[in-house]
Amino acid sequence: MLLREMQEEDLDEIERLEGVLFTPAWSKEDFLHELKTNDYAHYYVLVDDKIVGYAGFWYAYENCELTTIGIDPNYQGKGLSKLLMDYGLKEGHNKGCMNYSLEVRVSNERAIRLYKKYGYEICAIRKDYYADHEDAYLMVRKEEK
């Protein structure tokens, strides 16, 4: 299993996976915009003959935001989200991040359990956050110096 930076040539496969995993899904153009124009954005992929997972983080000064994480359904339950989280959070630590945040659907209990294992706590509800009007939890964690 290889973990590396996402590249433009990965985007067709990322868009396919995104469509399987999320509604509404980010488009290829959304990811391309992040890769090309957002200096704070860093996206990673897990490759096992094909892309089986991906994650995005924004590192801005002392802040790190998890923007997306997804694992191919055929590879879920094998600890791959943990690999991506470990790597992304380590990069945040190396860049001096102290404040970590993310939004997650209130119905996504599996993801919420994962984030709590990493020390994230629910601190607010964002009403009608998603296009289908589902609420999101804002989850945060602080890192000590």
Protein backbone atom coordinates (compact mmCIF):
# COMPACT_ATOMS: atom_id res chain seq x y z
CA MET A 1 0.00 0.00 0.00
CA LEU A 2 1.42 3.36 -1.06
CA LEU A 3 0.42 6.71 0.46
CA ARG A 4 1.30 9.72 -1.68
CA GLU A 5 0.19 13.23 -2.66
CA MET A 6 -2.84 13.36 -4.93
CA GLN A 7 -2.02 14.28 -8.54
CA GLU A 8 -4.12 15.64 -11.37
CA GLU A 9 -4.08 12.29 -13.18
CA ASP A 10 -5.79 10.72 -10.12
CA LEU A 11 -8.91 12.85 -10.44
CA ASP A 12 -11.02 10.61 -12.69
CA GLU A 13 -10.71 7.78 -10.16
CA ILE A 14 -11.22 10.18 -7.22
CA GLU A 15 -14.39 11.54 -8.84
CA ARG A 16 -15.68 7.98 -9.34
CA LEU A 17 -15.01 7.08 -5.70
CA GLU A 18 -16.48 10.36 -4.48
CA GLY A 19 -19.69 9.59 -6.37
CA VAL A 20 -19.94 6.18 -4.71
CA LEU A 21 -19.25 7.54 -1.22
CA PHE A 22 -20.94 10.93 -0.98
CA THR A 23 -24.10 12.76 -2.02
CA PRO A 24 -23.61 15.39 -3.17
CA ALA A 25 -20.13 14.54 -4.34
CA TRP A 26 -17.26 16.85 -5.13
CA SER A 27 -16.56 16.99 -8.85
CA LYS A 28 -13.26 16.50 -10.61
CA GLU A 29 -13.20 20.28 -11.07
CA ASP A 30 -13.64 20.84 -7.32
CA PHE A 31 -10.59 18.69 -6.58
CA LEU A 32 -8.62 20.28 -9.43
CA HIS A 33 -9.37 23.73 -8.02
CA GLU A 34 -8.08 22.62 -4.62
CA LEU A 35 -4.90 21.13 -6.09
CA LYS A 36 -4.12 24.07 -8.38
CA THR A 37 -5.25 27.20 -6.52
CA ASN A 38 -5.46 26.52 -2.78
CA ASP A 39 -1.99 26.87 -1.30
CA TYR A 40 -3.26 25.56 2.05
CA ALA A 41 -4.77 22.36 0.61
CA HIS A 42 -2.96 19.03 0.69
CA TYR A 43 -4.61 15.89 -0.64
CA TYR A 44 -3.34 12.34 -0.24
CA VAL A 45 -4.24 9.02 -1.86
CA LEU A 46 -3.78 5.40 -0.86
CA VAL A 47 -2.87 3.17 -3.78
CA ASP A 48 -3.11 -0.63 -3.91
CA ASP A 49 -2.89 -1.22 -7.69
CA LYS A 50 -5.68 1.40 -7.82
CA ILE A 51 -6.71 4.31 -5.62
CA VAL A 52 -8.56 2.87 -2.62
CA GLY A 53 -8.73 5.94 -0.39
CA TYR A 54 -8.09 9.64 -0.19
CA ALA A 55 -8.10 12.50 2.29
CA GLY A 56 -7.79 16.26 2.18
CA PHE A 57 -6.41 18.63 4.77
CA TRP A 58 -6.01 22.39 4.86
CA TYR A 59 -2.96 23.54 6.80
CA ALA A 60 -3.22 27.28 7.48
CA TYR A 61 -0.90 28.74 10.07
CA GLU A 62 -1.76 26.99 13.37
CA ASN A 63 -4.98 25.48 11.96
CA CYS A 64 -5.57 22.11 10.35
CA GLU A 65 -8.94 21.24 8.85
CA LEU A 66 -9.88 17.80 7.57
CA THR A 67 -11.90 18.58 4.42
CA THR A 68 -12.65 15.07 3.17
CA ILE A 69 -11.80 11.44 3.71
CA GLY A 70 -13.08 8.44 1.82
CA ILE A 71 -12.29 4.75 1.45
CA ASP A 72 -13.44 2.45 -1.36
CA PRO A 73 -16.31 0.34 0.07
CA ASN A 74 -14.39 -2.85 -0.83
CA TYR A 75 -11.52 -1.70 1.42
CA GLN A 76 -13.47 -0.32 4.38
CA GLY A 77 -12.92 -1.81 7.82
CA LYS A 78 -9.20 -2.44 7.21
CA GLY A 79 -7.80 0.59 9.06
CA LEU A 80 -7.13 2.67 5.94
CA SER A 81 -8.88 5.76 7.32
CA LYS A 82 -6.48 5.52 10.25
CA LEU A 83 -3.48 5.53 7.87
CA LEU A 84 -4.75 8.69 6.19
CA MET A 85 -5.63 10.37 9.49
CA ASP A 86 -2.27 9.49 11.05
CA TYR A 87 -0.40 10.89 8.07
CA GLY A 88 -2.48 14.06 7.71
CA LEU A 89 -2.37 14.89 11.41
CA LYS A 90 1.37 14.23 11.58
CA GLU A 91 1.86 16.64 8.69
CA GLY A 92 -0.25 19.20 10.56
CA HIS A 93 1.88 18.74 13.66
CA ASN A 94 5.06 19.14 11.58
CA LYS A 95 3.66 22.38 10.13
CA GLY A 96 2.99 23.77 13.61
CA CYS A 97 -0.77 23.26 13.72
CA MET A 98 -2.37 23.53 17.15
CA ASN A 99 -6.09 23.70 16.29
CA TYR A 100 -7.79 20.89 14.38
CA SER A 101 -11.34 20.91 13.03
CA LEU A 102 -13.75 19.08 10.76
CA GLU A 103 -17.43 18.84 9.92
CA VAL A 104 -19.24 15.50 9.81
CA ARG A 105 -22.83 14.48 9.15
CA VAL A 106 -24.68 13.92 12.43
CA SER A 107 -25.78 10.53 11.03
CA ASN A 108 -22.22 9.34 10.29
CA GLU A 109 -21.68 7.43 13.53
CA ARG A 110 -18.75 5.41 12.18
CA ALA A 111 -16.79 8.55 11.27
CA ILE A 112 -17.69 10.25 14.55
CA ARG A 113 -16.29 7.26 16.49
CA LEU A 114 -13.06 7.46 14.46
CA TYR A 115 -12.66 11.18 15.06
CA LYS A 116 -13.29 10.79 18.79
CA LYS A 117 -10.44 8.25 18.91
CA TYR A 118 -8.22 11.06 17.64
CA GLY A 119 -9.34 13.40 20.41
CA TYR A 120 -11.91 15.37 18.45
CA GLU A 121 -14.92 16.58 20.42
CA ILE A 122 -18.28 17.83 19.19
CA CYS A 123 -18.45 21.54 19.93
CA ALA A 124 -21.34 22.80 17.76
CA ILE A 125 -24.06 21.82 15.33
CA ARG A 126 -24.18 23.45 11.90
CA LYS A 127 -27.88 23.44 10.93
CA ASP A 128 -28.74 22.48 7.33
CA TYR A 129 -25.03 22.22 6.52
CA TYR A 130 -25.40 19.74 3.67
CA ALA A 131 -27.37 20.16 0.44
CA ASP A 132 -29.93 17.60 1.64
CA HIS A 133 -30.43 19.77 4.79
CA GLU A 134 -28.76 17.31 7.16
CA ASP A 135 -26.98 18.96 10.07
CA ALA A 136 -23.25 18.64 10.66
CA TYR A 137 -21.29 18.43 13.84
CA LEU A 138 -18.33 20.77 14.10
CA MET A 139 -15.64 18.74 15.83
CA VAL A 140 -12.40 20.20 17.19
CA ARG A 141 -9.30 19.13 19.01
CA LYS A 142 -6.41 21.10 20.43
CA GLU A 143 -2.79 20.08 20.48
CA GLU A 144 -0.60 21.10 23.37
CA LYS A 145 2.75 22.74 22.70
